Amino acid sequence: MSETELDLWRGDMLKTTKTSVRCLQDDTKPLIVPTKVENNIIINKPMEPIKFVNYASGGVNKWSISHQLPSGLVFDKQKGIISGTPTKILSRNKYVVTASNSHGSTQTGVYIAVLPILVDDIKISSTSDTLVIGESAQLHVTISPNDASNKKFSWEVDDKVSIDQSTGKLLPLKKVFPLLELLPIIAL
């Protein structure tokens, strides 16, 4: 790019025929600002790209980033854009992006954290409405969303029953009672 660039510009938004010529100087180093500084991204979900806007009249000839992005994310060295779909959970880290031209360079930082997909609903169902000593009931758990990052849980019940942690099978220990009296708790 030359030191001076001519830019033809349409005169106004009302679509009149006015035109003008403006002269842009390209003798300044870049001045970049990210579209978003704090970026909390959900694992396995495409992120909204982070773009870097150059507010100086000097263009950008080279883009670089301080260190490797989280797995699944990429930095476009031609356009200065971070994008992609993260594949691993990662705590908040700072990434420094540098834009440069023949007149110098400038840096700015962005923060990226890759967060898990959280459980938002747990439903418990049973094969029986009543527990009788000597018989068992099977509890089933449905965790939503299906792609939650951590679907591990354990059962907690009172002293009226015993429960098999791996299968959810309930056995009454003391008396016959409606299953509604039992409040199984799932600990994530």
C-alpha atoms as a PDB file:
ATOM      1  CA  MET A   1       0.000   0.000   0.000  1.00  0.00           C
ATOM      2  CA  SER A   2       1.358   3.422  -0.815  1.00  0.00           C
ATOM      3  CA  GLU A   3       1.792   6.293   1.612  1.00  0.00           C
ATOM      4  CA  THR A   4      -1.393   7.919   0.298  1.00  0.00           C
ATOM      5  CA  GLU A   5      -4.522   6.227  -0.939  1.00  0.00           C
ATOM      6  CA  LEU A   6      -7.413   7.833  -2.813  1.00  0.00           C
ATOM      7  CA  ASP A   7     -10.854   6.716  -1.819  1.00  0.00           C
ATOM      8  CA  LEU A   8     -13.972   7.574  -3.837  1.00  0.00           C
ATOM      9  CA  TRP A   9     -16.874   8.146  -1.540  1.00  0.00           C
ATOM     10  CA  ARG A  10     -20.590   8.496  -2.186  1.00  0.00           C
ATOM     11  CA  GLY A  11     -21.808  11.906  -1.029  1.00  0.00           C
ATOM     12  CA  ASP A  12     -24.831  11.039   1.107  1.00  0.00           C
ATOM     13  CA  MET A  13     -27.283   8.361   2.127  1.00  0.00           C
ATOM     14  CA  LEU A  14     -30.193   9.881   0.161  1.00  0.00           C
ATOM     15  CA  LYS A  15     -28.664   8.617  -3.096  1.00  0.00           C
ATOM     16  CA  THR A  16     -28.080  12.039  -4.609  1.00  0.00           C
ATOM     17  CA  THR A  17     -25.450  12.316  -7.301  1.00  0.00           C
ATOM     18  CA  LYS A  18     -22.974  14.206  -5.171  1.00  0.00           C
ATOM     19  CA  THR A  19     -19.584  12.579  -4.870  1.00  0.00           C
ATOM     20  CA  SER A  20     -16.394  13.679  -3.255  1.00  0.00           C
ATOM     21  CA  VAL A  21     -12.807  12.568  -3.096  1.00  0.00           C
ATOM     22  CA  ARG A  22     -11.066  12.194   0.199  1.00  0.00           C
ATOM     23  CA  CYS A  23      -7.436  11.533   0.836  1.00  0.00           C
ATOM     24  CA  LEU A  24      -6.431   9.013   3.488  1.00  0.00           C
ATOM     25  CA  GLN A  25      -2.906   9.031   4.798  1.00  0.00           C
ATOM     26  CA  ASP A  26      -1.294   5.699   5.457  1.00  0.00           C
ATOM     27  CA  ASP A  27       1.543   6.962   7.619  1.00  0.00           C
ATOM     28  CA  THR A  28       0.392   5.787  11.047  1.00  0.00           C
ATOM     29  CA  LYS A  29       0.728   2.541  12.903  1.00  0.00           C
ATOM     30  CA  PRO A  30      -2.484   0.539  13.465  1.00  0.00           C
ATOM     31  CA  LEU A  31      -4.739   1.207  16.447  1.00  0.00           C
ATOM     32  CA  ILE A  32      -6.803  -1.942  17.054  1.00  0.00           C
ATOM     33  CA  VAL A  33      -9.705  -2.626  19.389  1.00  0.00           C
ATOM     34  CA  PRO A  34     -11.434  -6.020  19.787  1.00  0.00           C
ATOM     35  CA  THR A  35     -15.177  -6.322  19.232  1.00  0.00           C
ATOM     36  CA  LYS A  36     -15.337  -7.995  22.652  1.00  0.00           C
ATOM     37  CA  VAL A  37     -12.672  -8.136  25.384  1.00  0.00           C
ATOM     38  CA  GLU A  38     -14.219 -10.751  27.715  1.00  0.00           C
ATOM     39  CA  ASN A  39     -15.267 -13.928  25.891  1.00  0.00           C
ATOM     40  CA  ASN A  40     -16.986 -16.753  27.774  1.00  0.00           C
ATOM     41  CA  ILE A  41     -17.453 -19.469  25.189  1.00  0.00           C
ATOM     42  CA  ILE A  42     -19.405 -22.706  25.638  1.00  0.00           C
ATOM     43  CA  ILE A  43     -17.582 -25.938  24.829  1.00  0.00           C
ATOM     44  CA  ASN A  44     -18.575 -27.632  21.545  1.00  0.00           C
ATOM     45  CA  LYS A  45     -20.613 -24.589  20.434  1.00  0.00           C
ATOM     46  CA  PRO A  46     -19.432 -22.282  17.616  1.00  0.00           C
ATOM     47  CA  MET A  47     -18.250 -18.982  19.070  1.00  0.00           C
ATOM     48  CA  GLU A  48     -19.106 -15.514  17.864  1.00  0.00           C
ATOM     49  CA  PRO A  49     -15.916 -14.443  16.061  1.00  0.00           C
ATOM     50  CA  ILE A  50     -13.717 -11.875  17.780  1.00  0.00           C
ATOM     51  CA  LYS A  51     -12.746  -9.195  15.270  1.00  0.00           C
ATOM     52  CA  PHE A  52     -10.188  -6.444  15.721  1.00  0.00           C
ATOM     53  CA  VAL A  53     -11.170  -3.044  14.332  1.00  0.00           C
ATOM     54  CA  ASN A  54      -8.361  -0.732  13.194  1.00  0.00           C
ATOM     55  CA  TYR A  55      -9.215   2.886  14.091  1.00  0.00           C
ATOM     56  CA  ALA A  56      -6.060   4.387  12.610  1.00  0.00           C
ATOM     57  CA  SER A  57      -5.736   5.491   9.008  1.00  0.00           C
ATOM     58  CA  GLY A  58      -2.723   3.218   8.546  1.00  0.00           C
ATOM     59  CA  GLY A  59      -3.619  -0.262   7.355  1.00  0.00           C
ATOM     60  CA  VAL A  60      -2.558  -3.603   8.828  1.00  0.00           C
ATOM     61  CA  ASN A  61       0.030  -5.648   6.931  1.00  0.00           C
ATOM     62  CA  LYS A  62       0.573  -8.375   9.518  1.00  0.00           C
ATOM     63  CA  TRP A  63      -1.452  -9.957  12.334  1.00  0.00           C
ATOM     64  CA  SER A  64      -0.118 -12.206  15.105  1.00  0.00           C
ATOM     65  CA  ILE A  65      -1.254 -13.659  18.438  1.00  0.00           C
ATOM     66  CA  SER A  66       0.795 -14.216  21.612  1.00  0.00           C
ATOM     67  CA  HIS A  67       0.271 -17.946  22.136  1.00  0.00           C
ATOM     68  CA  GLN A  68      -1.771 -20.929  21.053  1.00  0.00           C
ATOM     69  CA  LEU A  69      -5.544 -20.595  21.297  1.00  0.00           C
ATOM     70  CA  PRO A  70      -7.740 -23.210  23.003  1.00  0.00           C
ATOM     71  CA  SER A  71      -8.287 -26.438  21.083  1.00  0.00           C
ATOM     72  CA  GLY A  72     -10.770 -25.871  18.236  1.00  0.00           C
ATOM     73  CA  LEU A  73     -10.193 -22.107  17.918  1.00  0.00           C
ATOM     74  CA  VAL A  74      -8.131 -20.482  15.152  1.00  0.00           C
ATOM     75  CA  PHE A  75      -6.592 -17.082  14.506  1.00  0.00           C
ATOM     76  CA  ASP A  76      -6.822 -15.822  10.916  1.00  0.00           C
ATOM     77  CA  LYS A  77      -3.455 -14.133  10.311  1.00  0.00           C
ATOM     78  CA  GLN A  78      -4.757 -12.450   7.143  1.00  0.00           C
ATOM     79  CA  LYS A  79      -7.836 -10.784   8.681  1.00  0.00           C
ATOM     80  CA  GLY A  80      -7.086 -10.732  12.415  1.00  0.00           C
ATOM     81  CA  ILE A  81     -10.141 -12.769  13.497  1.00  0.00           C
ATOM     82  CA  ILE A  82     -10.452 -15.408  16.231  1.00  0.00           C
ATOM     83  CA  SER A  83     -13.134 -17.997  15.473  1.00  0.00           C
ATOM     84  CA  GLY A  84     -14.034 -21.671  15.763  1.00  0.00           C
ATOM     85  CA  THR A  85     -15.642 -24.225  18.053  1.00  0.00           C
ATOM     86  CA  PRO A  86     -13.760 -24.967  21.300  1.00  0.00           C
ATOM     87  CA  THR A  87     -13.364 -28.649  22.180  1.00  0.00           C
ATOM     88  CA  LYS A  88     -11.881 -28.494  25.705  1.00  0.00           C
ATOM     89  CA  ILE A  89     -12.905 -26.663  28.863  1.00  0.00           C
ATOM     90  CA  LEU A  90     -10.359 -23.996  29.759  1.00  0.00           C
ATOM     91  CA  SER A  91     -10.094 -21.376  32.483  1.00  0.00           C
ATOM     92  CA  ARG A  92      -9.834 -17.680  31.591  1.00  0.00           C
ATOM     93  CA  ASN A  93      -6.645 -16.826  29.678  1.00  0.00           C
ATOM     94  CA  LYS A  94      -5.342 -13.646  28.108  1.00  0.00           C
ATOM     95  CA  TYR A  95      -4.335 -13.585  24.432  1.00  0.00           C
ATOM     96  CA  VAL A  96      -2.425 -10.610  23.032  1.00  0.00           C
ATOM     97  CA  VAL A  97      -3.064  -9.737  19.386  1.00  0.00           C
ATOM     98  CA  THR A  98      -0.558  -7.600  17.486  1.00  0.00           C
ATOM     99  CA  ALA A  99      -1.298  -5.615  14.323  1.00  0.00           C
ATOM    100  CA  SER A 100       1.588  -4.061  12.421  1.00  0.00           C
ATOM    101  CA  ASN A 101       2.536  -2.151   9.298  1.00  0.00           C
ATOM    102  CA  SER A 102       5.660  -0.345   8.073  1.00  0.00           C
ATOM    103  CA  HIS A 103       5.093   2.456  10.617  1.00  0.00           C
ATOM    104  CA  GLY A 104       4.905   0.296  13.724  1.00  0.00           C
ATOM    105  CA  SER A 105       2.694  -2.053  15.652  1.00  0.00           C
ATOM    106  CA  THR A 106       0.103  -2.035  18.385  1.00  0.00           C
ATOM    107  CA  GLN A 107      -1.181  -4.704  20.749  1.00  0.00           C
ATOM    108  CA  THR A 108      -4.415  -5.401  22.540  1.00  0.00           C
ATOM    109  CA  GLY A 109      -5.555  -8.197  24.797  1.00  0.00           C
ATOM    110  CA  VAL A 110      -8.640 -10.370  24.839  1.00  0.00           C
ATOM    111  CA  TYR A 111      -9.693 -12.884  27.463  1.00  0.00           C
ATOM    112  CA  ILE A 112     -11.135 -16.268  26.547  1.00  0.00           C
ATOM    113  CA  ALA A 113     -12.659 -18.887  28.851  1.00  0.00           C
ATOM    114  CA  VAL A 114     -14.200 -22.115  27.574  1.00  0.00           C
ATOM    115  CA  LEU A 115     -17.082 -23.074  29.851  1.00  0.00           C
ATOM    116  CA  PRO A 116     -18.918 -26.385  30.289  1.00  0.00           C
ATOM    117  CA  ILE A 117     -22.489 -26.981  29.167  1.00  0.00           C
ATOM    118  CA  LEU A 118     -24.392 -26.854  32.459  1.00  0.00           C
ATOM    119  CA  VAL A 119     -27.210 -29.157  33.540  1.00  0.00           C
ATOM    120  CA  ASP A 120     -30.468 -27.195  33.548  1.00  0.00           C
ATOM    121  CA  ASP A 121     -33.006 -29.923  34.381  1.00  0.00           C
ATOM    122  CA  ILE A 122     -33.107 -33.292  36.155  1.00  0.00           C
ATOM    123  CA  LYS A 123     -36.152 -35.578  36.052  1.00  0.00           C
ATOM    124  CA  ILE A 124     -36.601 -38.725  38.121  1.00  0.00           C
ATOM    125  CA  SER A 125     -39.069 -41.452  37.176  1.00  0.00           C
ATOM    126  CA  SER A 126     -39.839 -44.833  38.751  1.00  0.00           C
ATOM    127  CA  THR A 127     -41.158 -48.226  37.666  1.00  0.00           C
ATOM    128  CA  SER A 128     -43.427 -48.349  40.723  1.00  0.00           C
ATOM    129  CA  ASP A 129     -45.588 -45.987  42.786  1.00  0.00           C
ATOM    130  CA  THR A 130     -45.270 -48.001  46.005  1.00  0.00           C
ATOM    131  CA  LEU A 131     -42.357 -49.718  47.692  1.00  0.00           C
ATOM    132  CA  VAL A 132     -43.000 -53.001  49.506  1.00  0.00           C
ATOM    133  CA  ILE A 133     -40.471 -54.806  51.712  1.00  0.00           C
ATOM    134  CA  GLY A 134     -38.941 -57.610  49.646  1.00  0.00           C
ATOM    135  CA  GLU A 135     -39.645 -55.906  46.314  1.00  0.00           C
ATOM    136  CA  SER A 136     -37.672 -53.264  44.489  1.00  0.00           C
ATOM    137  CA  ALA A 137     -38.338 -50.259  42.321  1.00  0.00           C
ATOM    138  CA  GLN A 138     -36.152 -48.863  39.610  1.00  0.00           C
ATOM    139  CA  LEU A 139     -35.429 -45.145  39.440  1.00  0.00           C
ATOM    140  CA  HIS A 140     -34.482 -43.539  36.141  1.00  0.00           C
ATOM    141  CA  VAL A 141     -32.859 -40.159  35.650  1.00  0.00           C
ATOM    142  CA  THR A 142     -33.113 -37.860  32.654  1.00  0.00           C
ATOM    143  CA  ILE A 143     -30.587 -35.034  32.582  1.00  0.00           C
ATOM    144  CA  SER A 144     -31.017 -32.071  30.264  1.00  0.00           C
ATOM    145  CA  PRO A 145     -29.528 -30.903  28.055  1.00  0.00           C
ATOM    146  CA  ASN A 146     -28.325 -34.168  26.533  1.00  0.00           C
ATOM    147  CA  ASP A 147     -24.916 -32.670  25.797  1.00  0.00           C
ATOM    148  CA  ALA A 148     -24.278 -31.393  29.341  1.00  0.00           C
ATOM    149  CA  SER A 149     -20.578 -31.514  30.159  1.00  0.00           C
ATOM    150  CA  ASN A 150     -20.951 -33.309  33.489  1.00  0.00           C
ATOM    151  CA  LYS A 151     -23.810 -35.774  33.854  1.00  0.00           C
ATOM    152  CA  LYS A 152     -22.272 -37.762  36.731  1.00  0.00           C
ATOM    153  CA  PHE A 153     -24.442 -37.969  39.833  1.00  0.00           C
ATOM    154  CA  SER A 154     -24.984 -39.944  43.026  1.00  0.00           C
ATOM    155  CA  TRP A 155     -28.146 -40.866  44.884  1.00  0.00           C
ATOM    156  CA  GLU A 156     -28.887 -39.759  48.432  1.00  0.00           C
ATOM    157  CA  VAL A 157     -31.849 -41.340  50.241  1.00  0.00           C
ATOM    158  CA  ASP A 158     -33.053 -41.542  53.830  1.00  0.00           C
ATOM    159  CA  ASP A 159     -32.839 -44.603  56.096  1.00  0.00           C
ATOM    160  CA  LYS A 160     -36.145 -46.089  54.822  1.00  0.00           C
ATOM    161  CA  VAL A 161     -34.496 -47.524  51.718  1.00  0.00           C
ATOM    162  CA  SER A 162     -31.209 -48.619  50.269  1.00  0.00           C
ATOM    163  CA  ILE A 163     -30.187 -47.717  46.747  1.00  0.00           C
ATOM    164  CA  ASP A 164     -27.696 -49.158  44.317  1.00  0.00           C
ATOM    165  CA  GLN A 165     -25.651 -46.127  43.195  1.00  0.00           C
ATOM    166  CA  SER A 166     -24.786 -47.610  39.805  1.00  0.00           C
ATOM    167  CA  THR A 167     -28.275 -48.781  38.784  1.00  0.00           C
ATOM    168  CA  GLY A 168     -30.748 -46.632  40.757  1.00  0.00           C
ATOM    169  CA  LYS A 169     -32.471 -49.767  42.137  1.00  0.00           C
ATOM    170  CA  LEU A 170     -34.366 -49.066  45.401  1.00  0.00           C
ATOM    171  CA  LEU A 171     -35.064 -51.594  48.170  1.00  0.00           C
ATOM    172  CA  PRO A 172     -37.339 -50.671  51.098  1.00  0.00           C
ATOM    173  CA  LEU A 173     -35.907 -51.462  54.531  1.00  0.00           C
ATOM    174  CA  LYS A 174     -38.609 -50.615  57.077  1.00  0.00           C
ATOM    175  CA  LYS A 175     -42.200 -50.595  55.829  1.00  0.00           C
ATOM    176  CA  VAL A 176     -44.544 -50.304  52.892  1.00  0.00           C
ATOM    177  CA  PHE A 177     -44.974 -46.690  51.791  1.00  0.00           C
ATOM    178  CA  PRO A 178     -45.833 -44.664  48.731  1.00  0.00           C
ATOM    179  CA  LEU A 179     -42.821 -43.750  46.678  1.00  0.00           C
ATOM    180  CA  LEU A 180     -43.902 -40.099  46.872  1.00  0.00           C
ATOM    181  CA  GLU A 181     -42.905 -40.103  50.558  1.00  0.00           C
ATOM    182  CA  LEU A 182     -39.349 -40.846  49.537  1.00  0.00           C
ATOM    183  CA  LEU A 183     -37.356 -37.910  48.317  1.00  0.00           C
ATOM    184  CA  PRO A 184     -34.373 -39.150  46.351  1.00  0.00           C
ATOM    185  CA  ILE A 185     -31.791 -36.455  45.857  1.00  0.00           C
ATOM    186  CA  ILE A 186     -29.310 -36.364  43.046  1.00  0.00           C
ATOM    187  CA  ALA A 187     -25.952 -34.846  43.837  1.00  0.00           C
ATOM    188  CA  LEU A 188     -24.029 -33.714  40.764  1.00  0.00           C
END
